[in-house]
Structure formats: C-alpha cells, structure tokens
Amino acid sequence: MTELYADAGRFRRFVRWSAATRPGSRFYARVLHHVDRAVYRLTRGRGTLAAWLSGLKVVMLMTTGARSGKRIASPVLGFPEGDDVVVIASNYGQAHHPGWYHNLRAHPRARLVIDGDEREVDATEVASPERERFLELASEIYPGFTAYVARAAPRRIAVFRLRHVSRDA
C-alpha cells in the first residue's frame, strides 16, 4: 500500500505534505491517533483513517507501558525492511518522544498488527549509519521526516527495527 511520495496521487501528496507542516503536524499529533484507534476497531484491524488518506502503511504497535505495565496500542508508520518492520519515533517533530518510544525502551517485546495479521516482535533501536539509511528511505515515502528531524532538534529521533519472533521465544 505504501508508495513513494513522487508516485502518490495529488490528494495523498497533499495529506502527506500537510502533516509535515507545523500546524498540520500539531493537529494530527493531537487528533489522528484517537481517530485511527476507533477506525481500527471498527474495521477489525484492517485499516486506519491515516492509511486510507495518505496511502502510507500504518501499523498498530502494541507496547507494554513503561510505568503502567498496561498494554497500549499506538498507530505508527511502518516501513518494511525484509521480514522486519522499521518504525520512526518522530512524534510529528515535537520536542518530546512519543509514549511508545519509552515503552519500547523499557519493554522491547511488543506486538505488531499489519493488515489484521498479529505478530510478536522484539524492538532494537538502530544506530548510525543504519539509522540515517532508514530515515533517508522513509523520507522517499514520506518527506515529512526531514522536517520532523529539523523541528525536533536537539532531540534525536529514534529509529527502531521490529524483528518477528515466535510466541514461544
């Protein structure tokens, strides 16, 4: 479903562009995850509003709360990397990390739901130069990451590789 920015239709390019602007990212950061969770439940895990509007691969990342210990579902952009999935803790370029970042740091074992398919994953924060490579590849699909990196400074945006593991491991 995810397509390069250059190949996306006019409407989807507009949606991606608007999310990268300061007012758009502020709005999306406060509203979109609530709407996405509701749409996700209504579609029984088959889609989110953000995915339909933007053409981006939105996956549901289910982490264990760093402080609460409760299971928390967060819609995030997921980029395939072989059998793994890469997620970027950009938080729309805000000055602070998204909550799921802290959850993955405290509890790297998580669940990932892609198109209704659920799998156990282990999260590893990616270091340079692989981090830069993933950011560059992701920016070809969603150029907003470039704006987010600049806007979030001096915060260093983290990149995680989610590796599929068997439930028995």
C-alpha atoms as a PDB file:
ATOM      1  CA  MET A   1       0.000   0.000   0.000  1.00  0.00           C
ATOM      2  CA  THR A   2       2.818   2.438   0.800  1.00  0.00           C
ATOM      3  CA  GLU A   3       4.062   4.228  -2.271  1.00  0.00           C
ATOM      4  CA  LEU A   4       6.849   6.676  -2.939  1.00  0.00           C
ATOM      5  CA  TYR A   5       5.840  10.296  -2.461  1.00  0.00           C
ATOM      6  CA  ALA A   6       6.561  11.036  -6.140  1.00  0.00           C
ATOM      7  CA  ASP A   7       4.191   8.224  -7.201  1.00  0.00           C
ATOM      8  CA  ALA A   8       1.341   9.134  -4.853  1.00  0.00           C
ATOM      9  CA  GLY A   9      -1.727  10.858  -6.228  1.00  0.00           C
ATOM     10  CA  ARG A  10      -2.300  14.573  -5.757  1.00  0.00           C
ATOM     11  CA  PHE A  11      -4.634  14.127  -2.748  1.00  0.00           C
ATOM     12  CA  ARG A  12      -2.283  11.741  -0.927  1.00  0.00           C
ATOM     13  CA  ARG A  13       0.698  14.021  -1.571  1.00  0.00           C
ATOM     14  CA  PHE A  14      -1.349  16.881  -0.087  1.00  0.00           C
ATOM     15  CA  VAL A  15      -2.185  14.828   3.022  1.00  0.00           C
ATOM     16  CA  ARG A  16       1.483  13.893   3.497  1.00  0.00           C
ATOM     17  CA  TRP A  17       2.598  17.480   2.891  1.00  0.00           C
ATOM     18  CA  SER A  18       0.050  18.901   5.359  1.00  0.00           C
ATOM     19  CA  ALA A  19       1.201  16.500   8.095  1.00  0.00           C
ATOM     20  CA  ALA A  20       4.738  17.853   7.715  1.00  0.00           C
ATOM     21  CA  THR A  21       3.730  21.496   8.220  1.00  0.00           C
ATOM     22  CA  ARG A  22       3.874  22.897  11.740  1.00  0.00           C
ATOM     23  CA  PRO A  23       0.073  23.471  12.052  1.00  0.00           C
ATOM     24  CA  GLY A  24      -0.761  20.183  10.325  1.00  0.00           C
ATOM     25  CA  SER A  25       1.576  18.128  12.473  1.00  0.00           C
ATOM     26  CA  ARG A  26       0.251  19.821  15.617  1.00  0.00           C
ATOM     27  CA  PHE A  27      -3.303  18.941  14.607  1.00  0.00           C
ATOM     28  CA  TYR A  28      -2.513  15.368  13.561  1.00  0.00           C
ATOM     29  CA  ALA A  29      -0.442  14.726  16.710  1.00  0.00           C
ATOM     30  CA  ARG A  30      -3.389  15.641  18.917  1.00  0.00           C
ATOM     31  CA  VAL A  31      -6.261  14.122  16.932  1.00  0.00           C
ATOM     32  CA  LEU A  32      -5.285  11.440  14.447  1.00  0.00           C
ATOM     33  CA  HIS A  33      -4.251   8.627  16.807  1.00  0.00           C
ATOM     34  CA  HIS A  34      -7.654   8.816  18.544  1.00  0.00           C
ATOM     35  CA  VAL A  35      -9.491   8.583  15.222  1.00  0.00           C
ATOM     36  CA  ASP A  36      -7.163   5.842  13.968  1.00  0.00           C
ATOM     37  CA  ARG A  37      -7.801   3.696  17.046  1.00  0.00           C
ATOM     38  CA  ALA A  38     -11.564   3.988  16.529  1.00  0.00           C
ATOM     39  CA  VAL A  39     -11.371   3.198  12.797  1.00  0.00           C
ATOM     40  CA  TYR A  40      -9.011   0.327  13.559  1.00  0.00           C
ATOM     41  CA  ARG A  41     -11.556  -1.186  15.975  1.00  0.00           C
ATOM     42  CA  LEU A  42     -14.455  -0.639  13.550  1.00  0.00           C
ATOM     43  CA  THR A  43     -12.579  -2.350  10.705  1.00  0.00           C
ATOM     44  CA  ARG A  44     -11.427  -5.196  12.983  1.00  0.00           C
ATOM     45  CA  GLY A  45      -7.776  -4.352  12.458  1.00  0.00           C
ATOM     46  CA  ARG A  46      -7.880  -3.942   8.695  1.00  0.00           C
ATOM     47  CA  GLY A  47      -7.287  -0.213   8.392  1.00  0.00           C
ATOM     48  CA  THR A  48      -6.899   3.283   9.778  1.00  0.00           C
ATOM     49  CA  LEU A  49      -8.036   6.652   8.512  1.00  0.00           C
ATOM     50  CA  ALA A  50      -4.435   7.831   8.188  1.00  0.00           C
ATOM     51  CA  ALA A  51      -3.569   4.864   5.950  1.00  0.00           C
ATOM     52  CA  TRP A  52      -6.556   5.402   3.689  1.00  0.00           C
ATOM     53  CA  LEU A  53      -5.996   9.143   3.313  1.00  0.00           C
ATOM     54  CA  SER A  54      -2.222   9.114   2.914  1.00  0.00           C
ATOM     55  CA  GLY A  55      -1.540   5.755   1.294  1.00  0.00           C
ATOM     56  CA  LEU A  56       1.060   5.092   3.990  1.00  0.00           C
ATOM     57  CA  LYS A  57       1.394   1.795   5.834  1.00  0.00           C
ATOM     58  CA  VAL A  58       0.003   2.437   9.304  1.00  0.00           C
ATOM     59  CA  VAL A  59       0.550  -0.467  11.675  1.00  0.00           C
ATOM     60  CA  MET A  60      -0.745  -0.925  15.193  1.00  0.00           C
ATOM     61  CA  LEU A  61       2.111  -1.234  17.665  1.00  0.00           C
ATOM     62  CA  MET A  62       1.059  -2.726  20.984  1.00  0.00           C
ATOM     63  CA  THR A  63       3.570  -1.993  23.700  1.00  0.00           C
ATOM     64  CA  THR A  64       3.668  -2.507  27.446  1.00  0.00           C
ATOM     65  CA  GLY A  65       3.534   0.789  29.333  1.00  0.00           C
ATOM     66  CA  ALA A  66       6.910   1.768  30.790  1.00  0.00           C
ATOM     67  CA  ARG A  67       5.282   2.927  34.042  1.00  0.00           C
ATOM     68  CA  SER A  68       1.773   1.472  33.992  1.00  0.00           C
ATOM     69  CA  GLY A  69       2.600  -2.015  32.728  1.00  0.00           C
ATOM     70  CA  LYS A  70      -0.654  -1.909  30.719  1.00  0.00           C
ATOM     71  CA  ARG A  71      -0.936  -2.888  27.044  1.00  0.00           C
ATOM     72  CA  ILE A  72      -1.128   0.264  24.881  1.00  0.00           C
ATOM     73  CA  ALA A  73      -1.986   0.329  21.163  1.00  0.00           C
ATOM     74  CA  SER A  74      -0.403   3.066  19.043  1.00  0.00           C
ATOM     75  CA  PRO A  75      -0.902   3.599  15.308  1.00  0.00           C
ATOM     76  CA  VAL A  76       2.522   4.247  13.733  1.00  0.00           C
ATOM     77  CA  LEU A  77       4.011   4.353  10.248  1.00  0.00           C
ATOM     78  CA  GLY A  78       5.746   1.091   9.470  1.00  0.00           C
ATOM     79  CA  PHE A  79       8.320   0.587   6.729  1.00  0.00           C
ATOM     80  CA  PRO A  80       9.201  -2.928   5.571  1.00  0.00           C
ATOM     81  CA  GLU A  81      12.839  -3.983   5.759  1.00  0.00           C
ATOM     82  CA  GLY A  82      12.979  -7.573   4.588  1.00  0.00           C
ATOM     83  CA  ASP A  83      10.957  -9.571   7.116  1.00  0.00           C
ATOM     84  CA  ASP A  84      11.314  -6.780   9.684  1.00  0.00           C
ATOM     85  CA  VAL A  85       9.430  -3.515  10.104  1.00  0.00           C
ATOM     86  CA  VAL A  86      11.081  -0.165  10.817  1.00  0.00           C
ATOM     87  CA  VAL A  87       9.292   2.486  12.892  1.00  0.00           C
ATOM     88  CA  ILE A  88      10.467   6.029  13.491  1.00  0.00           C
ATOM     89  CA  ALA A  89       9.767   7.819  16.776  1.00  0.00           C
ATOM     90  CA  SER A  90       9.343  11.229  15.152  1.00  0.00           C
ATOM     91  CA  ASN A  91       6.200  12.238  17.087  1.00  0.00           C
ATOM     92  CA  TYR A  92       5.419  14.704  14.269  1.00  0.00           C
ATOM     93  CA  GLY A  93       8.641  16.601  15.049  1.00  0.00           C
ATOM     94  CA  GLN A  94       7.592  17.538  18.564  1.00  0.00           C
ATOM     95  CA  ALA A  95      10.218  18.275  21.218  1.00  0.00           C
ATOM     96  CA  HIS A  96       9.449  15.054  23.119  1.00  0.00           C
ATOM     97  CA  HIS A  97       9.474  11.381  22.211  1.00  0.00           C
ATOM     98  CA  PRO A  98       6.170   9.585  21.649  1.00  0.00           C
ATOM     99  CA  GLY A  99       4.949   7.439  24.540  1.00  0.00           C
ATOM    100  CA  TRP A 100       5.603   4.207  22.646  1.00  0.00           C
ATOM    101  CA  TYR A 101       9.310   5.134  22.448  1.00  0.00           C
ATOM    102  CA  HIS A 102       9.609   4.968  26.248  1.00  0.00           C
ATOM    103  CA  ASN A 103       7.546   1.781  26.311  1.00  0.00           C
ATOM    104  CA  LEU A 104       9.823   0.025  23.797  1.00  0.00           C
ATOM    105  CA  ARG A 105      12.930   1.139  25.671  1.00  0.00           C
ATOM    106  CA  ALA A 106      11.548  -0.342  28.904  1.00  0.00           C
ATOM    107  CA  HIS A 107       9.914  -3.418  27.327  1.00  0.00           C
ATOM    108  CA  PRO A 108      11.344  -4.270  23.857  1.00  0.00           C
ATOM    109  CA  ARG A 109       8.965  -7.209  23.330  1.00  0.00           C
ATOM    110  CA  ALA A 110       5.788  -5.944  21.663  1.00  0.00           C
ATOM    111  CA  ARG A 111       3.041  -6.955  19.271  1.00  0.00           C
ATOM    112  CA  LEU A 112       2.611  -5.583  15.795  1.00  0.00           C
ATOM    113  CA  VAL A 113      -0.581  -5.777  13.758  1.00  0.00           C
ATOM    114  CA  ILE A 114      -0.262  -5.333   9.993  1.00  0.00           C
ATOM    115  CA  ASP A 115      -3.410  -5.653   7.891  1.00  0.00           C
ATOM    116  CA  GLY A 116      -5.064  -7.714  10.624  1.00  0.00           C
ATOM    117  CA  ASP A 117      -2.058 -10.068  10.961  1.00  0.00           C
ATOM    118  CA  GLU A 118      -0.666 -10.011  14.511  1.00  0.00           C
ATOM    119  CA  ARG A 119       2.909 -10.961  15.365  1.00  0.00           C
ATOM    120  CA  GLU A 120       5.281 -10.803  18.307  1.00  0.00           C
ATOM    121  CA  VAL A 121       8.309  -8.574  17.747  1.00  0.00           C
ATOM    122  CA  ASP A 122      11.492  -7.587  19.517  1.00  0.00           C
ATOM    123  CA  ALA A 123      12.426  -3.926  19.143  1.00  0.00           C
ATOM    124  CA  THR A 124      16.011  -2.786  18.730  1.00  0.00           C
ATOM    125  CA  GLU A 125      16.962   0.864  18.475  1.00  0.00           C
ATOM    126  CA  VAL A 126      19.029   1.302  15.333  1.00  0.00           C
ATOM    127  CA  ALA A 127      22.365   3.132  15.466  1.00  0.00           C
ATOM    128  CA  SER A 128      24.153   5.097  12.756  1.00  0.00           C
ATOM    129  CA  PRO A 129      24.793   4.647   9.828  1.00  0.00           C
ATOM    130  CA  GLU A 130      21.799   2.298   9.543  1.00  0.00           C
ATOM    131  CA  ARG A 131      19.600   4.917  11.272  1.00  0.00           C
ATOM    132  CA  GLU A 132      20.412   7.509   8.594  1.00  0.00           C
ATOM    133  CA  ARG A 133      19.786   4.979   5.836  1.00  0.00           C
ATOM    134  CA  PHE A 134      16.333   4.154   7.230  1.00  0.00           C
ATOM    135  CA  LEU A 135      15.483   7.844   7.659  1.00  0.00           C
ATOM    136  CA  GLU A 136      16.515   8.503   4.056  1.00  0.00           C
ATOM    137  CA  LEU A 137      14.450   5.586   2.720  1.00  0.00           C
ATOM    138  CA  ALA A 138      11.438   6.605   4.817  1.00  0.00           C
ATOM    139  CA  SER A 139      11.760  10.202   3.574  1.00  0.00           C
ATOM    140  CA  GLU A 140      11.332   8.996  -0.003  1.00  0.00           C
ATOM    141  CA  ILE A 141       7.906   7.724   1.009  1.00  0.00           C
ATOM    142  CA  TYR A 142       7.068  10.479   3.484  1.00  0.00           C
ATOM    143  CA  PRO A 143       9.221  13.623   3.084  1.00  0.00           C
ATOM    144  CA  GLY A 144       7.823  14.990   6.351  1.00  0.00           C
ATOM    145  CA  PHE A 145      10.522  13.128   8.261  1.00  0.00           C
ATOM    146  CA  THR A 146      13.090  15.648   7.051  1.00  0.00           C
ATOM    147  CA  ALA A 147      11.041  18.494   8.565  1.00  0.00           C
ATOM    148  CA  TYR A 148      10.488  16.490  11.752  1.00  0.00           C
ATOM    149  CA  VAL A 149      14.211  15.899  12.284  1.00  0.00           C
ATOM    150  CA  ALA A 150      14.898  19.643  11.948  1.00  0.00           C
ATOM    151  CA  ARG A 151      11.938  20.679  14.107  1.00  0.00           C
ATOM    152  CA  ALA A 152      12.643  18.136  16.876  1.00  0.00           C
ATOM    153  CA  ALA A 153      16.289  19.226  17.311  1.00  0.00           C
ATOM    154  CA  PRO A 154      18.104  18.911  19.615  1.00  0.00           C
ATOM    155  CA  ARG A 155      16.065  15.757  20.311  1.00  0.00           C
ATOM    156  CA  ARG A 156      17.488  12.831  18.343  1.00  0.00           C
ATOM    157  CA  ILE A 157      14.658  10.969  16.641  1.00  0.00           C
ATOM    158  CA  ALA A 158      14.974   7.268  17.351  1.00  0.00           C
ATOM    159  CA  VAL A 159      14.542   4.533  14.741  1.00  0.00           C
ATOM    160  CA  PHE A 160      13.544   1.001  15.757  1.00  0.00           C
ATOM    161  CA  ARG A 161      13.785  -2.282  13.895  1.00  0.00           C
ATOM    162  CA  LEU A 162      10.987  -4.665  14.854  1.00  0.00           C
ATOM    163  CA  ARG A 163      12.023  -8.290  14.348  1.00  0.00           C
ATOM    164  CA  HIS A 164       9.430 -11.025  14.217  1.00  0.00           C
ATOM    165  CA  VAL A 165       9.888 -13.644  16.926  1.00  0.00           C
ATOM    166  CA  SER A 166       7.913 -16.782  17.642  1.00  0.00           C
ATOM    167  CA  ARG A 167       5.484 -16.535  20.550  1.00  0.00           C
ATOM    168  CA  ASP A 168       7.401 -19.300  22.296  1.00  0.00           C
ATOM    169  CA  ALA A 169      10.732 -17.429  22.279  1.00  0.00           C
END
